[in-house]
Amino acid sequence: MTNETDRGWLTRLEEQSRRKQEQFMDGIAAKLGRDRIRSAPEHPFRGAPDFWKEFNWPLEERITQFTANFEAAGGHVVRLSRREEVTRFIRDKAMEMSAATILRQQEEALDRLGLEESLPGALVLSWNEAADTDWRAVAARADFGVVMADYAAAYTGSITVKSAPHKGRSVSLLPTVLMAIIPIERMVTRLGEILVQFDQAGREQLPAGIHFISGPSRSADIENDLTIGVHGPGIVYALLVDSYDEK
């Protein structure tokens, strides 16, 4: 066929396709008992409605709702009063579970836990503390990962953890057990309260990764066989702390 013949053939195919499309849409409109809508409808509202933006629970209600939602997804929530109680809880769980390797984010707030001194029988490491180490491999074989949550949303039962050079995402993704510490002042009602802060900060200030954790890793196949811990920690503790920075 010549180029002209090719173009004519393609034109006829397109016309046939469009006629079939029109017939299909006309058939749907007829079954709905109404005329075809041929122009885009107006969208007077964009984003969440005002009442939702104003929706806010008191702090204790946020904690109650977060606990219910996080535990419904298979996670564990523990409320603690002070930082010292966080240290004792992690120490006791590490001893109970015979944790040999504990990997934590490299943050001053986590330095103050003193896990190295509290667990002399375990190897306690801080992410990226040595340049010649394969830290993803360390995270993959770690028993515990310890992170400081940046935010938590009560309505969805979600913990938000940002990535940075000293806050590797592998710390929350690869160890068998995750300990996520949440100072209660970082608990908000809605996920939108968290997301809007990233928008306001601007593109240049976005972290390398933003991770939303709503309980242990869960995976199901087409037959609905649920498996826990395939793509991440199988046990996740959310440690709510009333006064983390106070002794």
C-alpha atoms as a PDB file:
ATOM      1  CA  MET A   1       0.000   0.000   0.000  1.00  0.00           C
ATOM      2  CA  THR A   2       1.130   3.557  -0.639  1.00  0.00           C
ATOM      3  CA  ASN A   3       1.381   6.135   2.101  1.00  0.00           C
ATOM      4  CA  GLU A   4      -1.861   7.734   0.890  1.00  0.00           C
ATOM      5  CA  THR A   5      -3.638   4.385   1.095  1.00  0.00           C
ATOM      6  CA  ASP A   6      -2.250   3.822   4.564  1.00  0.00           C
ATOM      7  CA  ARG A   7      -3.591   7.166   5.762  1.00  0.00           C
ATOM      8  CA  GLY A   8      -7.026   6.459   4.304  1.00  0.00           C
ATOM      9  CA  TRP A   9      -7.136   3.051   5.957  1.00  0.00           C
ATOM     10  CA  LEU A  10      -6.158   4.503   9.353  1.00  0.00           C
ATOM     11  CA  THR A  11      -8.770   7.258   8.964  1.00  0.00           C
ATOM     12  CA  ARG A  12     -11.518   4.693   8.315  1.00  0.00           C
ATOM     13  CA  LEU A  13     -10.434   2.676  11.361  1.00  0.00           C
ATOM     14  CA  GLU A  14     -10.564   5.769  13.549  1.00  0.00           C
ATOM     15  CA  GLU A  15     -14.032   6.686  12.245  1.00  0.00           C
ATOM     16  CA  GLN A  16     -15.293   3.165  12.957  1.00  0.00           C
ATOM     17  CA  SER A  17     -13.818   3.282  16.449  1.00  0.00           C
ATOM     18  CA  ARG A  18     -15.439   6.640  17.186  1.00  0.00           C
ATOM     19  CA  ARG A  19     -18.844   5.443  15.943  1.00  0.00           C
ATOM     20  CA  LYS A  20     -18.606   2.406  18.233  1.00  0.00           C
ATOM     21  CA  GLN A  21     -17.605   4.663  21.119  1.00  0.00           C
ATOM     22  CA  GLU A  22     -20.601   6.911  20.494  1.00  0.00           C
ATOM     23  CA  GLN A  23     -22.944   3.929  20.317  1.00  0.00           C
ATOM     24  CA  PHE A  24     -21.526   2.553  23.547  1.00  0.00           C
ATOM     25  CA  MET A  25     -21.953   5.853  25.428  1.00  0.00           C
ATOM     26  CA  ASP A  26     -25.429   6.388  23.963  1.00  0.00           C
ATOM     27  CA  GLY A  27     -26.399   2.930  25.181  1.00  0.00           C
ATOM     28  CA  ILE A  28     -25.254   3.731  28.728  1.00  0.00           C
ATOM     29  CA  ALA A  29     -27.184   7.038  28.713  1.00  0.00           C
ATOM     30  CA  ALA A  30     -30.317   5.261  27.455  1.00  0.00           C
ATOM     31  CA  LYS A  31     -30.131   2.663  30.222  1.00  0.00           C
ATOM     32  CA  LEU A  32     -29.737   5.448  32.768  1.00  0.00           C
ATOM     33  CA  GLY A  33     -32.763   7.191  31.267  1.00  0.00           C
ATOM     34  CA  ARG A  34     -31.041  10.518  30.623  1.00  0.00           C
ATOM     35  CA  ASP A  35     -29.375  12.517  27.868  1.00  0.00           C
ATOM     36  CA  ARG A  36     -25.666  12.249  27.172  1.00  0.00           C
ATOM     37  CA  ILE A  37     -23.498  14.654  29.145  1.00  0.00           C
ATOM     38  CA  ARG A  38     -21.127  16.178  26.626  1.00  0.00           C
ATOM     39  CA  SER A  39     -19.393  18.855  28.686  1.00  0.00           C
ATOM     40  CA  ALA A  40     -17.337  18.563  31.854  1.00  0.00           C
ATOM     41  CA  PRO A  41     -19.393  19.177  35.003  1.00  0.00           C
ATOM     42  CA  GLU A  42     -18.486  22.051  37.262  1.00  0.00           C
ATOM     43  CA  HIS A  43     -16.319  21.335  40.302  1.00  0.00           C
ATOM     44  CA  PRO A  44     -17.110  24.071  42.829  1.00  0.00           C
ATOM     45  CA  PHE A  45     -15.141  22.319  45.570  1.00  0.00           C
ATOM     46  CA  ARG A  46     -11.455  21.454  45.515  1.00  0.00           C
ATOM     47  CA  GLY A  47      -9.800  19.297  48.143  1.00  0.00           C
ATOM     48  CA  ALA A  48     -11.273  18.585  51.547  1.00  0.00           C
ATOM     49  CA  PRO A  49     -14.398  20.540  52.588  1.00  0.00           C
ATOM     50  CA  ASP A  50     -14.021  23.256  55.201  1.00  0.00           C
ATOM     51  CA  PHE A  51     -15.730  21.273  57.950  1.00  0.00           C
ATOM     52  CA  TRP A  52     -13.125  18.516  57.578  1.00  0.00           C
ATOM     53  CA  LYS A  53     -10.229  20.982  57.721  1.00  0.00           C
ATOM     54  CA  GLU A  54     -11.638  22.279  61.001  1.00  0.00           C
ATOM     55  CA  PHE A  55     -12.238  18.823  62.480  1.00  0.00           C
ATOM     56  CA  ASN A  56     -10.014  18.290  65.491  1.00  0.00           C
ATOM     57  CA  TRP A  57     -10.147  15.960  68.491  1.00  0.00           C
ATOM     58  CA  PRO A  58      -8.855  16.911  71.945  1.00  0.00           C
ATOM     59  CA  LEU A  59      -5.508  15.303  72.780  1.00  0.00           C
ATOM     60  CA  GLU A  60      -6.879  12.439  74.879  1.00  0.00           C
ATOM     61  CA  GLU A  61      -9.419  11.579  72.175  1.00  0.00           C
ATOM     62  CA  ARG A  62      -6.627  11.574  69.603  1.00  0.00           C
ATOM     63  CA  ILE A  63      -4.692   9.096  71.721  1.00  0.00           C
ATOM     64  CA  THR A  64      -7.774   6.892  72.196  1.00  0.00           C
ATOM     65  CA  GLN A  65      -8.615   6.872  68.486  1.00  0.00           C
ATOM     66  CA  PHE A  66      -5.016   6.319  67.402  1.00  0.00           C
ATOM     67  CA  THR A  67      -4.734   3.374  69.784  1.00  0.00           C
ATOM     68  CA  ALA A  68      -7.945   1.776  68.524  1.00  0.00           C
ATOM     69  CA  ASN A  69      -7.022   2.214  64.851  1.00  0.00           C
ATOM     70  CA  PHE A  70      -3.392   1.124  65.209  1.00  0.00           C
ATOM     71  CA  GLU A  71      -4.282  -1.967  67.222  1.00  0.00           C
ATOM     72  CA  ALA A  72      -7.076  -2.861  64.778  1.00  0.00           C
ATOM     73  CA  ALA A  73      -4.343  -3.126  62.120  1.00  0.00           C
ATOM     74  CA  GLY A  74      -2.303  -5.497  64.288  1.00  0.00           C
ATOM     75  CA  GLY A  75       0.047  -3.036  65.963  1.00  0.00           C
ATOM     76  CA  HIS A  76       0.725  -2.549  69.662  1.00  0.00           C
ATOM     77  CA  VAL A  77       0.336   0.756  71.501  1.00  0.00           C
ATOM     78  CA  VAL A  78       1.988   1.466  74.858  1.00  0.00           C
ATOM     79  CA  ARG A  79       1.627   4.758  76.699  1.00  0.00           C
ATOM     80  CA  LEU A  80       4.562   5.812  78.833  1.00  0.00           C
ATOM     81  CA  SER A  81       5.122   8.837  81.032  1.00  0.00           C
ATOM     82  CA  ARG A  82       8.804   9.675  80.571  1.00  0.00           C
ATOM     83  CA  ARG A  83      11.854   8.905  78.470  1.00  0.00           C
ATOM     84  CA  GLU A  84      13.272   6.619  81.167  1.00  0.00           C
ATOM     85  CA  GLU A  85      10.208   4.396  80.817  1.00  0.00           C
ATOM     86  CA  VAL A  86      10.859   4.146  77.071  1.00  0.00           C
ATOM     87  CA  THR A  87      14.382   2.910  77.761  1.00  0.00           C
ATOM     88  CA  ARG A  88      13.124   0.323  80.248  1.00  0.00           C
ATOM     89  CA  PHE A  89      10.399  -0.886  77.895  1.00  0.00           C
ATOM     90  CA  ILE A  90      12.777  -1.395  74.967  1.00  0.00           C
ATOM     91  CA  ARG A  91      15.347  -3.028  77.266  1.00  0.00           C
ATOM     92  CA  ASP A  92      12.773  -5.434  78.723  1.00  0.00           C
ATOM     93  CA  LYS A  93      11.381  -6.371  75.299  1.00  0.00           C
ATOM     94  CA  ALA A  94      14.881  -6.875  73.914  1.00  0.00           C
ATOM     95  CA  MET A  95      15.706  -9.227  76.763  1.00  0.00           C
ATOM     96  CA  GLU A  96      12.356 -11.010  76.451  1.00  0.00           C
ATOM     97  CA  MET A  97      12.842 -11.568  72.713  1.00  0.00           C
ATOM     98  CA  SER A  98      16.599 -12.249  72.952  1.00  0.00           C
ATOM     99  CA  ALA A  99      17.362  -9.378  70.577  1.00  0.00           C
ATOM    100  CA  ALA A 100      21.039  -9.493  69.631  1.00  0.00           C
ATOM    101  CA  THR A 101      21.208  -6.479  67.276  1.00  0.00           C
ATOM    102  CA  ILE A 102      19.363  -3.198  67.722  1.00  0.00           C
ATOM    103  CA  LEU A 103      19.587  -0.493  65.056  1.00  0.00           C
ATOM    104  CA  ARG A 104      18.399   3.025  65.741  1.00  0.00           C
ATOM    105  CA  GLN A 105      18.265   6.294  63.881  1.00  0.00           C
ATOM    106  CA  GLN A 106      21.156   8.661  64.490  1.00  0.00           C
ATOM    107  CA  GLU A 107      19.296  11.335  66.449  1.00  0.00           C
ATOM    108  CA  GLU A 108      20.125  13.224  69.600  1.00  0.00           C
ATOM    109  CA  ALA A 109      16.685  12.396  71.003  1.00  0.00           C
ATOM    110  CA  LEU A 110      17.514   8.693  70.688  1.00  0.00           C
ATOM    111  CA  ASP A 111      21.032   9.198  72.059  1.00  0.00           C
ATOM    112  CA  ARG A 112      19.363  10.221  75.310  1.00  0.00           C
ATOM    113  CA  LEU A 113      17.724   6.799  75.671  1.00  0.00           C
ATOM    114  CA  GLY A 114      21.082   5.292  76.591  1.00  0.00           C
ATOM    115  CA  LEU A 115      20.309   1.939  74.967  1.00  0.00           C
ATOM    116  CA  GLU A 116      23.991   1.068  74.696  1.00  0.00           C
ATOM    117  CA  GLU A 117      24.366   1.215  78.478  1.00  0.00           C
ATOM    118  CA  SER A 118      21.008  -0.439  79.168  1.00  0.00           C
ATOM    119  CA  LEU A 119      21.706  -3.405  76.878  1.00  0.00           C
ATOM    120  CA  PRO A 120      25.377  -4.327  77.335  1.00  0.00           C
ATOM    121  CA  GLY A 121      24.698  -7.837  76.053  1.00  0.00           C
ATOM    122  CA  ALA A 122      23.322  -6.608  72.702  1.00  0.00           C
ATOM    123  CA  LEU A 123      24.926  -4.847  69.753  1.00  0.00           C
ATOM    124  CA  VAL A 124      23.339  -1.390  69.601  1.00  0.00           C
ATOM    125  CA  LEU A 125      24.159   0.521  66.411  1.00  0.00           C
ATOM    126  CA  SER A 126      23.312   3.991  65.128  1.00  0.00           C
ATOM    127  CA  TRP A 127      22.467   4.403  61.436  1.00  0.00           C
ATOM    128  CA  ASN A 128      25.332   5.719  59.282  1.00  0.00           C
ATOM    129  CA  GLU A 129      27.695   6.061  62.235  1.00  0.00           C
ATOM    130  CA  ALA A 130      30.475   4.437  60.155  1.00  0.00           C
ATOM    131  CA  ALA A 131      30.996   5.217  56.477  1.00  0.00           C
ATOM    132  CA  ASP A 132      32.455   1.828  55.507  1.00  0.00           C
ATOM    133  CA  THR A 133      29.420  -0.202  56.679  1.00  0.00           C
ATOM    134  CA  ASP A 134      26.637  -1.661  54.536  1.00  0.00           C
ATOM    135  CA  TRP A 135      23.835  -0.271  56.666  1.00  0.00           C
ATOM    136  CA  ARG A 136      21.029  -1.856  54.674  1.00  0.00           C
ATOM    137  CA  ALA A 137      22.567  -5.250  55.340  1.00  0.00           C
ATOM    138  CA  VAL A 138      22.808  -4.358  59.031  1.00  0.00           C
ATOM    139  CA  ALA A 139      19.134  -3.349  59.059  1.00  0.00           C
ATOM    140  CA  ALA A 140      18.138  -6.577  57.316  1.00  0.00           C
ATOM    141  CA  ARG A 141      19.639  -8.700  60.078  1.00  0.00           C
ATOM    142  CA  ALA A 142      18.697  -6.426  62.987  1.00  0.00           C
ATOM    143  CA  ASP A 143      16.206  -7.714  65.520  1.00  0.00           C
ATOM    144  CA  PHE A 144      14.940  -4.275  66.573  1.00  0.00           C
ATOM    145  CA  GLY A 145      14.664  -0.998  64.712  1.00  0.00           C
ATOM    146  CA  VAL A 146      14.160   2.109  66.848  1.00  0.00           C
ATOM    147  CA  VAL A 147      12.878   5.333  65.275  1.00  0.00           C
ATOM    148  CA  MET A 148      11.529   8.668  66.439  1.00  0.00           C
ATOM    149  CA  ALA A 149       8.219   9.454  64.734  1.00  0.00           C
ATOM    150  CA  ASP A 150       7.949  12.864  63.122  1.00  0.00           C
ATOM    151  CA  TYR A 151       4.144  12.837  63.349  1.00  0.00           C
ATOM    152  CA  ALA A 152       1.206  10.542  64.037  1.00  0.00           C
ATOM    153  CA  ALA A 153      -2.389  10.805  62.781  1.00  0.00           C
ATOM    154  CA  ALA A 154      -5.155   9.558  65.050  1.00  0.00           C
ATOM    155  CA  TYR A 155      -7.952   9.231  62.468  1.00  0.00           C
ATOM    156  CA  THR A 156      -5.990   6.765  60.332  1.00  0.00           C
ATOM    157  CA  GLY A 157      -3.780   5.292  63.054  1.00  0.00           C
ATOM    158  CA  SER A 158      -0.676   6.220  61.060  1.00  0.00           C
ATOM    159  CA  ILE A 159       2.883   7.041  62.089  1.00  0.00           C
ATOM    160  CA  THR A 160       4.912   9.339  59.825  1.00  0.00           C
ATOM    161  CA  VAL A 161       8.679   8.859  59.603  1.00  0.00           C
ATOM    162  CA  LYS A 162      10.832  11.013  57.308  1.00  0.00           C
ATOM    163  CA  SER A 163      14.072   9.834  55.720  1.00  0.00           C
ATOM    164  CA  ALA A 164      17.382  11.688  55.939  1.00  0.00           C
ATOM    165  CA  PRO A 165      21.079  10.709  55.848  1.00  0.00           C
ATOM    166  CA  HIS A 166      20.957  10.064  59.594  1.00  0.00           C
ATOM    167  CA  LYS A 167      17.427   8.608  59.478  1.00  0.00           C
ATOM    168  CA  GLY A 168      17.650   5.769  56.961  1.00  0.00           C
ATOM    169  CA  ARG A 169      14.325   4.326  55.848  1.00  0.00           C
ATOM    170  CA  SER A 170      15.744   0.829  56.314  1.00  0.00           C
ATOM    171  CA  VAL A 171      15.642   1.305  60.096  1.00  0.00           C
ATOM    172  CA  SER A 172      11.841   1.181  59.998  1.00  0.00           C
ATOM    173  CA  LEU A 173      11.489  -1.189  57.024  1.00  0.00           C
ATOM    174  CA  LEU A 174      13.861  -4.107  57.567  1.00  0.00           C
ATOM    175  CA  PRO A 175      14.257  -5.182  61.233  1.00  0.00           C
ATOM    176  CA  THR A 176      11.964  -7.878  62.642  1.00  0.00           C
ATOM    177  CA  VAL A 177      10.527  -5.600  65.350  1.00  0.00           C
ATOM    178  CA  LEU A 178       9.936  -1.856  65.050  1.00  0.00           C
ATOM    179  CA  MET A 179       9.833   0.469  68.050  1.00  0.00           C
ATOM    180  CA  ALA A 180       8.378   3.841  66.997  1.00  0.00           C
ATOM    181  CA  ILE A 181       8.576   6.515  69.684  1.00  0.00           C
ATOM    182  CA  ILE A 182       5.843   9.182  69.502  1.00  0.00           C
ATOM    183  CA  PRO A 183       5.970  12.211  71.828  1.00  0.00           C
ATOM    184  CA  ILE A 184       2.277  12.964  72.297  1.00  0.00           C
ATOM    185  CA  GLU A 185       2.665  16.576  71.139  1.00  0.00           C
ATOM    186  CA  ARG A 186       3.355  15.159  67.662  1.00  0.00           C
ATOM    187  CA  MET A 187      -0.078  13.488  67.552  1.00  0.00           C
ATOM    188  CA  VAL A 188      -2.589  15.238  65.264  1.00  0.00           C
ATOM    189  CA  THR A 189      -6.152  14.351  64.336  1.00  0.00           C
ATOM    190  CA  ARG A 190      -6.047  14.165  60.548  1.00  0.00           C
ATOM    191  CA  LEU A 191      -3.464  13.022  58.014  1.00  0.00           C
ATOM    192  CA  GLY A 192      -4.082  16.252  56.104  1.00  0.00           C
ATOM    193  CA  GLU A 193      -2.562  18.228  58.976  1.00  0.00           C
ATOM    194  CA  ILE A 194       0.697  16.414  58.283  1.00  0.00           C
ATOM    195  CA  LEU A 195       0.617  16.549  54.491  1.00  0.00           C
ATOM    196  CA  VAL A 196      -0.056  20.286  54.348  1.00  0.00           C
ATOM    197  CA  GLN A 197       3.212  20.921  56.185  1.00  0.00           C
ATOM    198  CA  PHE A 198       5.164  19.278  53.374  1.00  0.00           C
ATOM    199  CA  ASP A 199       3.335  21.461  50.837  1.00  0.00           C
ATOM    200  CA  GLN A 200       4.032  24.611  52.805  1.00  0.00           C
ATOM    201  CA  ALA A 201       7.718  23.753  53.203  1.00  0.00           C
ATOM    202  CA  GLY A 202       8.152  23.673  49.420  1.00  0.00           C
ATOM    203  CA  ARG A 203       9.711  21.235  46.980  1.00  0.00           C
ATOM    204  CA  GLU A 204      13.300  22.010  47.969  1.00  0.00           C
ATOM    205  CA  GLN A 205      12.624  21.099  51.596  1.00  0.00           C
ATOM    206  CA  LEU A 206      11.006  17.724  50.935  1.00  0.00           C
ATOM    207  CA  PRO A 207      12.764  14.794  52.642  1.00  0.00           C
ATOM    208  CA  ALA A 208      14.198  11.882  50.671  1.00  0.00           C
ATOM    209  CA  GLY A 209      11.275   9.737  51.770  1.00  0.00           C
ATOM    210  CA  ILE A 210       8.052  10.067  53.757  1.00  0.00           C
ATOM    211  CA  HIS A 211       6.826   6.808  55.261  1.00  0.00           C
ATOM    212  CA  PHE A 212       3.390   6.148  56.719  1.00  0.00           C
ATOM    213  CA  ILE A 213       3.284   3.173  59.063  1.00  0.00           C
ATOM    214  CA  SER A 214      -0.087   1.793  60.152  1.00  0.00           C
ATOM    215  CA  GLY A 215       0.894  -1.398  61.937  1.00  0.00           C
ATOM    216  CA  PRO A 216       2.957  -4.431  60.922  1.00  0.00           C
ATOM    217  CA  SER A 217       3.649  -5.391  57.322  1.00  0.00           C
ATOM    218  CA  ARG A 218       0.629  -7.182  55.849  1.00  0.00           C
ATOM    219  CA  SER A 219       0.386  -9.013  52.532  1.00  0.00           C
ATOM    220  CA  ALA A 220      -2.413 -11.117  51.029  1.00  0.00           C
ATOM    221  CA  ASP A 221      -2.635 -13.154  47.834  1.00  0.00           C
ATOM    222  CA  ILE A 222      -5.604 -13.606  45.523  1.00  0.00           C
ATOM    223  CA  GLU A 223      -7.024 -16.276  47.838  1.00  0.00           C
ATOM    224  CA  ASN A 224      -7.020 -13.831  50.766  1.00  0.00           C
ATOM    225  CA  ASP A 225      -4.322 -15.681  52.677  1.00  0.00           C
ATOM    226  CA  LEU A 226      -2.951 -12.969  54.962  1.00  0.00           C
ATOM    227  CA  THR A 227       0.733 -13.028  55.864  1.00  0.00           C
ATOM    228  CA  ILE A 228       2.339 -10.724  58.421  1.00  0.00           C
ATOM    229  CA  GLY A 229       5.904  -9.457  58.161  1.00  0.00           C
ATOM    230  CA  VAL A 230       6.754 -10.333  54.559  1.00  0.00           C
ATOM    231  CA  HIS A 231       7.662  -6.812  53.390  1.00  0.00           C
ATOM    232  CA  GLY A 232       8.591  -5.226  56.716  1.00  0.00           C
ATOM    233  CA  PRO A 233       8.514  -5.668  60.487  1.00  0.00           C
ATOM    234  CA  GLY A 234       6.048  -8.275  61.691  1.00  0.00           C
ATOM    235  CA  ILE A 235       5.792  -6.652  65.131  1.00  0.00           C
ATOM    236  CA  VAL A 236       5.350  -2.900  65.552  1.00  0.00           C
ATOM    237  CA  TYR A 237       5.147  -0.989  68.824  1.00  0.00           C
ATOM    238  CA  ALA A 238       3.944   2.607  68.969  1.00  0.00           C
ATOM    239  CA  LEU A 239       5.336   4.064  72.194  1.00  0.00           C
ATOM    240  CA  LEU A 240       3.344   7.156  73.156  1.00  0.00           C
ATOM    241  CA  VAL A 241       5.339   9.325  75.547  1.00  0.00           C
ATOM    242  CA  ASP A 242       3.800  12.100  77.643  1.00  0.00           C
ATOM    243  CA  SER A 243       7.044  13.927  78.503  1.00  0.00           C
ATOM    244  CA  TYR A 244       9.910  12.649  76.396  1.00  0.00           C
ATOM    245  CA  ASP A 245      12.225  15.611  76.936  1.00  0.00           C
ATOM    246  CA  GLU A 246      11.612  15.867  80.676  1.00  0.00           C
ATOM    247  CA  LYS A 247      13.350  13.755  83.294  1.00  0.00           C
END
